[in-house]
Amino acid sequence: MQFKPGSNMKAWLFTILRNANFGQLRRLKIHNPISSTVENNTGESVAYDVAIPGNQEDSANLRDILEAFKRLPINQIDSLLLLTRGHSYEKVADNVCAPVGTVKSRVARARKALRKACG
């Protein structure tokens, strides 16, 4: 798909970014589910590594959490990952180009969805 002069540049760029993020999420399914990266809206790769004990039940629970995580909307993933990496809500809001209240709402919805998915 090529940009056509006179059409909506913002929508065109948004579609490219959205498709790139979806492609990244699809690739996560191929990688080791215990250690992967997600590319946020600014193009940075955000890695998440999870250490688990050798217990089969814990491993299955972690797999459920990661599957639930992958089903979250990309804006919730971005906000949640940046926040869990130690950034303040204000810094996360700057990175994802959204108001602080929106970031707090995204994080709350992401946490609620993960809790619901994991019982």
N, C-alpha and C. Protein backbone atom coordinates (compact mmCIF):
# COMPACT_ATOMS: atom_id res chain seq x y z
N MET A 1 0.85 -1.17 0.00
CA MET A 1 0.00 0.00 0.00
C MET A 1 0.90 1.24 0.00
N GLN A 2 0.68 2.12 -0.94
CA GLN A 2 1.48 3.33 -1.04
C GLN A 2 0.63 4.54 -0.71
N PHE A 3 1.31 5.55 -0.17
CA PHE A 3 0.61 6.78 0.17
C PHE A 3 0.23 7.51 -1.12
N LYS A 4 -1.00 7.99 -1.16
CA LYS A 4 -1.47 8.75 -2.31
C LYS A 4 -1.62 10.21 -1.89
N PRO A 5 -0.94 11.11 -2.58
CA PRO A 5 -1.06 12.54 -2.23
C PRO A 5 -2.52 12.96 -2.19
N GLY A 6 -2.84 13.72 -1.16
CA GLY A 6 -4.20 14.19 -0.98
C GLY A 6 -5.01 13.32 -0.03
N SER A 7 -4.50 12.12 0.28
CA SER A 7 -5.22 11.27 1.23
C SER A 7 -4.73 11.58 2.64
N ASN A 8 -5.29 10.90 3.62
CA ASN A 8 -5.01 11.17 5.03
C ASN A 8 -3.68 10.54 5.45
N MET A 9 -2.63 11.36 5.60
CA MET A 9 -1.30 10.88 5.95
C MET A 9 -1.29 10.25 7.35
N LYS A 10 -2.00 10.85 8.29
CA LYS A 10 -2.03 10.33 9.66
C LYS A 10 -2.62 8.92 9.69
N ALA A 11 -3.71 8.72 9.00
CA ALA A 11 -4.35 7.40 8.96
C ALA A 11 -3.44 6.39 8.28
N TRP A 12 -2.76 6.79 7.23
CA TRP A 12 -1.86 5.91 6.50
C TRP A 12 -0.71 5.47 7.41
N LEU A 13 -0.09 6.42 8.12
CA LEU A 13 1.01 6.10 9.02
C LEU A 13 0.53 5.23 10.19
N PHE A 14 -0.65 5.55 10.71
CA PHE A 14 -1.19 4.76 11.81
C PHE A 14 -1.39 3.31 11.38
N THR A 15 -1.88 3.10 10.18
CA THR A 15 -2.10 1.74 9.67
C THR A 15 -0.78 0.99 9.56
N ILE A 16 0.25 1.66 9.09
CA ILE A 16 1.57 1.02 8.99
C ILE A 16 2.08 0.62 10.37
N LEU A 17 1.98 1.54 11.35
CA LEU A 17 2.45 1.24 12.70
C LEU A 17 1.64 0.11 13.34
N ARG A 18 0.33 0.15 13.14
CA ARG A 18 -0.53 -0.88 13.70
C ARG A 18 -0.17 -2.24 13.12
N ASN A 19 -0.01 -2.31 11.80
CA ASN A 19 0.34 -3.57 11.16
C ASN A 19 1.71 -4.07 11.60
N ALA A 20 2.65 -3.16 11.79
CA ALA A 20 3.98 -3.54 12.27
C ALA A 20 3.89 -4.13 13.68
N ASN A 21 3.07 -3.51 14.53
CA ASN A 21 2.90 -4.03 15.89
C ASN A 21 2.22 -5.39 15.88
N PHE A 22 1.21 -5.57 15.04
CA PHE A 22 0.55 -6.87 14.96
C PHE A 22 1.52 -7.93 14.46
N GLY A 23 2.36 -7.56 13.49
CA GLY A 23 3.36 -8.50 13.01
C GLY A 23 4.33 -8.91 14.09
N GLN A 24 4.72 -7.94 14.92
CA GLN A 24 5.63 -8.22 16.03
C GLN A 24 4.96 -9.18 17.02
N LEU A 25 3.69 -8.95 17.30
CA LEU A 25 2.97 -9.83 18.22
C LEU A 25 2.84 -11.25 17.66
N ARG A 26 2.61 -11.35 16.35
CA ARG A 26 2.54 -12.68 15.74
C ARG A 26 3.88 -13.40 15.85
N ARG A 27 4.97 -12.66 15.69
CA ARG A 27 6.29 -13.27 15.79
C ARG A 27 6.58 -13.74 17.22
N LEU A 28 5.97 -13.10 18.21
CA LEU A 28 6.17 -13.52 19.59
C LEU A 28 5.71 -14.96 19.82
N LYS A 29 4.71 -15.38 19.08
CA LYS A 29 4.19 -16.73 19.25
C LYS A 29 5.22 -17.78 18.82
N ILE A 30 6.15 -17.39 17.95
CA ILE A 30 7.17 -18.31 17.46
C ILE A 30 8.34 -18.40 18.43
N HIS A 31 8.65 -17.30 19.10
CA HIS A 31 9.78 -17.26 20.02
C HIS A 31 9.48 -18.00 21.31
N ASN A 32 10.51 -18.16 22.11
CA ASN A 32 10.37 -18.75 23.43
C ASN A 32 9.36 -17.93 24.23
N PRO A 33 8.30 -18.54 24.74
CA PRO A 33 7.28 -17.76 25.45
C PRO A 33 7.76 -17.21 26.78
N ILE A 34 8.93 -17.62 27.22
CA ILE A 34 9.43 -17.16 28.50
C ILE A 34 10.24 -15.87 28.36
N SER A 35 10.83 -15.63 27.21
CA SER A 35 11.63 -14.45 27.00
C SER A 35 11.37 -13.91 25.60
N SER A 36 10.78 -12.72 25.51
CA SER A 36 10.47 -12.14 24.22
C SER A 36 10.57 -10.63 24.29
N THR A 37 10.40 -10.00 23.15
CA THR A 37 10.39 -8.54 23.10
C THR A 37 9.13 -8.08 22.39
N VAL A 38 8.72 -6.88 22.75
CA VAL A 38 7.60 -6.23 22.10
C VAL A 38 8.09 -4.86 21.68
N GLU A 39 7.77 -4.45 20.49
CA GLU A 39 8.17 -3.13 20.01
C GLU A 39 7.07 -2.15 20.36
N ASN A 40 7.45 -1.05 21.06
CA ASN A 40 6.42 -0.08 21.43
C ASN A 40 6.22 0.93 20.31
N ASN A 41 5.34 1.89 20.53
CA ASN A 41 4.97 2.84 19.47
C ASN A 41 6.12 3.73 19.02
N THR A 42 7.16 3.87 19.83
CA THR A 42 8.29 4.71 19.44
C THR A 42 9.35 3.91 18.71
N GLY A 43 9.11 2.63 18.49
CA GLY A 43 10.06 1.80 17.75
C GLY A 43 11.08 1.12 18.63
N GLU A 44 11.04 1.35 19.95
CA GLU A 44 11.98 0.71 20.85
C GLU A 44 11.53 -0.71 21.12
N SER A 45 12.48 -1.61 21.22
CA SER A 45 12.15 -2.98 21.60
C SER A 45 12.19 -3.07 23.11
N VAL A 46 11.10 -3.55 23.68
CA VAL A 46 11.00 -3.68 25.11
C VAL A 46 11.02 -5.17 25.42
N ALA A 47 12.03 -5.62 26.16
CA ALA A 47 12.17 -7.04 26.45
C ALA A 47 11.51 -7.35 27.79
N TYR A 48 10.91 -8.52 27.85
CA TYR A 48 10.41 -8.98 29.13
C TYR A 48 10.89 -10.41 29.33
N ASP A 49 11.55 -10.62 30.43
CA ASP A 49 12.06 -11.94 30.78
C ASP A 49 11.39 -12.35 32.09
N VAL A 50 10.98 -13.57 32.14
CA VAL A 50 10.31 -14.06 33.34
C VAL A 50 11.02 -15.32 33.79
N ALA A 51 11.47 -15.32 35.04
CA ALA A 51 12.09 -16.51 35.60
C ALA A 51 11.01 -17.33 36.28
N ILE A 52 11.02 -18.62 36.02
CA ILE A 52 10.02 -19.49 36.65
C ILE A 52 10.69 -20.68 37.30
N PRO A 53 10.11 -21.16 38.37
CA PRO A 53 10.64 -22.39 38.97
C PRO A 53 10.34 -23.59 38.07
N GLY A 54 10.92 -24.74 38.37
CA GLY A 54 10.76 -25.91 37.54
C GLY A 54 9.41 -26.61 37.67
N ASN A 55 8.51 -26.09 38.47
CA ASN A 55 7.21 -26.70 38.69
C ASN A 55 6.36 -26.61 37.43
N GLN A 56 5.75 -27.73 37.02
CA GLN A 56 4.92 -27.75 35.81
C GLN A 56 3.71 -26.82 35.94
N GLU A 57 3.11 -26.78 37.11
CA GLU A 57 1.93 -25.94 37.30
C GLU A 57 2.29 -24.46 37.14
N ASP A 58 3.43 -24.06 37.70
CA ASP A 58 3.87 -22.68 37.55
C ASP A 58 4.16 -22.34 36.09
N SER A 59 4.76 -23.30 35.39
CA SER A 59 5.05 -23.09 33.98
C SER A 59 3.77 -22.93 33.17
N ALA A 60 2.77 -23.73 33.47
CA ALA A 60 1.49 -23.63 32.77
C ALA A 60 0.80 -22.30 33.10
N ASN A 61 0.89 -21.87 34.36
CA ASN A 61 0.31 -20.58 34.75
C ASN A 61 0.99 -19.43 34.02
N LEU A 62 2.31 -19.50 33.92
CA LEU A 62 3.05 -18.45 33.22
C LEU A 62 2.66 -18.42 31.75
N ARG A 63 2.51 -19.57 31.15
CA ARG A 63 2.10 -19.63 29.74
C ARG A 63 0.72 -18.97 29.57
N ASP A 64 -0.18 -19.22 30.51
CA ASP A 64 -1.51 -18.59 30.46
C ASP A 64 -1.41 -17.07 30.56
N ILE A 65 -0.54 -16.61 31.46
CA ILE A 65 -0.35 -15.16 31.63
C ILE A 65 0.20 -14.55 30.35
N LEU A 66 1.20 -15.19 29.76
CA LEU A 66 1.80 -14.65 28.53
C LEU A 66 0.81 -14.66 27.37
N GLU A 67 -0.02 -15.69 27.28
CA GLU A 67 -1.05 -15.72 26.24
C GLU A 67 -2.06 -14.60 26.44
N ALA A 68 -2.46 -14.38 27.69
CA ALA A 68 -3.38 -13.28 28.00
C ALA A 68 -2.73 -11.94 27.68
N PHE A 69 -1.44 -11.82 27.97
CA PHE A 69 -0.69 -10.60 27.70
C PHE A 69 -0.68 -10.29 26.20
N LYS A 70 -0.49 -11.32 25.39
CA LYS A 70 -0.44 -11.12 23.94
C LYS A 70 -1.79 -10.71 23.36
N ARG A 71 -2.87 -11.03 24.06
CA ARG A 71 -4.21 -10.66 23.57
C ARG A 71 -4.60 -9.23 23.94
N LEU A 72 -3.80 -8.57 24.78
CA LEU A 72 -4.10 -7.19 25.15
C LEU A 72 -3.91 -6.28 23.94
N PRO A 73 -4.66 -5.18 23.88
CA PRO A 73 -4.42 -4.19 22.83
C PRO A 73 -3.00 -3.61 22.95
N ILE A 74 -2.42 -3.27 21.83
CA ILE A 74 -1.02 -2.83 21.83
C ILE A 74 -0.81 -1.58 22.69
N ASN A 75 -1.79 -0.68 22.78
CA ASN A 75 -1.60 0.51 23.61
C ASN A 75 -1.54 0.14 25.08
N GLN A 76 -2.26 -0.91 25.48
CA GLN A 76 -2.17 -1.37 26.87
C GLN A 76 -0.84 -2.06 27.13
N ILE A 77 -0.36 -2.83 26.15
CA ILE A 77 0.94 -3.49 26.29
C ILE A 77 2.04 -2.45 26.46
N ASP A 78 2.04 -1.44 25.60
CA ASP A 78 3.06 -0.38 25.68
C ASP A 78 3.06 0.27 27.06
N SER A 79 1.89 0.68 27.50
CA SER A 79 1.79 1.39 28.78
C SER A 79 2.21 0.50 29.94
N LEU A 80 1.74 -0.73 29.96
CA LEU A 80 2.05 -1.65 31.05
C LEU A 80 3.53 -2.00 31.10
N LEU A 81 4.12 -2.29 29.95
CA LEU A 81 5.55 -2.65 29.92
C LEU A 81 6.43 -1.48 30.35
N LEU A 82 6.13 -0.29 29.85
CA LEU A 82 6.95 0.86 30.24
C LEU A 82 6.82 1.14 31.73
N LEU A 83 5.63 1.01 32.26
CA LEU A 83 5.42 1.26 33.68
C LEU A 83 6.14 0.21 34.53
N THR A 84 6.08 -1.06 34.12
CA THR A 84 6.73 -2.11 34.90
C THR A 84 8.25 -2.05 34.79
N ARG A 85 8.75 -1.33 33.81
CA ARG A 85 10.21 -1.15 33.70
C ARG A 85 10.70 0.01 34.55
N GLY A 86 9.80 0.59 35.36
CA GLY A 86 10.23 1.61 36.31
C GLY A 86 9.98 3.04 35.88
N HIS A 87 9.35 3.27 34.75
CA HIS A 87 9.05 4.62 34.32
C HIS A 87 7.85 5.16 35.08
N SER A 88 7.81 6.45 35.27
CA SER A 88 6.67 7.08 35.92
C SER A 88 5.51 7.16 34.93
N TYR A 89 4.31 7.39 35.46
CA TYR A 89 3.16 7.54 34.58
C TYR A 89 3.37 8.71 33.61
N GLU A 90 4.01 9.77 34.09
CA GLU A 90 4.25 10.94 33.23
C GLU A 90 5.19 10.60 32.09
N LYS A 91 6.25 9.84 32.39
CA LYS A 91 7.21 9.45 31.35
C LYS A 91 6.55 8.50 30.34
N VAL A 92 5.73 7.57 30.85
CA VAL A 92 5.01 6.66 29.97
C VAL A 92 4.08 7.45 29.06
N ALA A 93 3.38 8.44 29.65
CA ALA A 93 2.45 9.26 28.87
C ALA A 93 3.19 9.99 27.75
N ASP A 94 4.38 10.50 28.04
CA ASP A 94 5.18 11.16 27.00
C ASP A 94 5.58 10.17 25.91
N ASN A 95 5.97 8.97 26.30
CA ASN A 95 6.42 7.97 25.33
C ASN A 95 5.31 7.48 24.41
N VAL A 96 4.10 7.36 24.94
CA VAL A 96 3.00 6.84 24.12
C VAL A 96 2.11 7.96 23.58
N CYS A 97 2.50 9.21 23.83
CA CYS A 97 1.76 10.37 23.32
C CYS A 97 0.29 10.35 23.74
N ALA A 98 0.07 10.17 25.04
CA ALA A 98 -1.29 10.15 25.58
C ALA A 98 -1.29 10.87 26.92
N PRO A 99 -2.44 11.37 27.35
CA PRO A 99 -2.53 12.00 28.66
C PRO A 99 -2.27 10.98 29.78
N VAL A 100 -1.83 11.47 30.93
CA VAL A 100 -1.52 10.60 32.06
C VAL A 100 -2.75 9.79 32.47
N GLY A 101 -3.91 10.42 32.49
CA GLY A 101 -5.14 9.71 32.85
C GLY A 101 -5.44 8.55 31.92
N THR A 102 -5.16 8.73 30.64
CA THR A 102 -5.37 7.67 29.66
C THR A 102 -4.42 6.50 29.93
N VAL A 103 -3.17 6.82 30.26
CA VAL A 103 -2.19 5.78 30.57
C VAL A 103 -2.63 5.00 31.80
N LYS A 104 -3.08 5.71 32.83
CA LYS A 104 -3.54 5.04 34.05
C LYS A 104 -4.72 4.12 33.75
N SER A 105 -5.62 4.57 32.90
CA SER A 105 -6.77 3.77 32.51
C SER A 105 -6.33 2.53 31.73
N ARG A 106 -5.39 2.70 30.80
CA ARG A 106 -4.90 1.57 30.01
C ARG A 106 -4.25 0.52 30.91
N VAL A 107 -3.43 0.99 31.84
CA VAL A 107 -2.74 0.07 32.75
C VAL A 107 -3.76 -0.66 33.63
N ALA A 108 -4.74 0.06 34.14
CA ALA A 108 -5.77 -0.57 34.98
C ALA A 108 -6.54 -1.62 34.19
N ARG A 109 -6.91 -1.30 32.94
CA ARG A 109 -7.64 -2.27 32.12
C ARG A 109 -6.77 -3.48 31.79
N ALA A 110 -5.48 -3.24 31.54
CA ALA A 110 -4.57 -4.36 31.24
C ALA A 110 -4.43 -5.27 32.45
N ARG A 111 -4.25 -4.69 33.62
CA ARG A 111 -4.11 -5.49 34.85
C ARG A 111 -5.40 -6.27 35.12
N LYS A 112 -6.53 -5.63 34.91
CA LYS A 112 -7.81 -6.31 35.14
C LYS A 112 -7.97 -7.49 34.18
N ALA A 113 -7.61 -7.28 32.92
CA ALA A 113 -7.72 -8.36 31.92
C ALA A 113 -6.79 -9.52 32.27
N LEU A 114 -5.59 -9.22 32.74
CA LEU A 114 -4.65 -10.28 33.11
C LEU A 114 -5.15 -11.05 34.33
N ARG A 115 -5.69 -10.31 35.31
CA ARG A 115 -6.24 -10.99 36.50
C ARG A 115 -7.41 -11.90 36.11
N LYS A 116 -8.27 -11.41 35.24
CA LYS A 116 -9.44 -12.19 34.81
C LYS A 116 -9.00 -13.45 34.05
N ALA A 117 -8.02 -13.30 33.18
CA ALA A 117 -7.55 -14.42 32.37
C ALA A 117 -6.84 -15.49 33.20
N CYS A 118 -6.27 -15.06 34.30
CA CYS A 118 -5.46 -15.99 35.10
C CYS A 118 -6.18 -16.46 36.35
N GLY A 119 -7.45 -16.14 36.45
CA GLY A 119 -8.28 -16.65 37.54
C GLY A 119 -8.01 -15.96 38.80
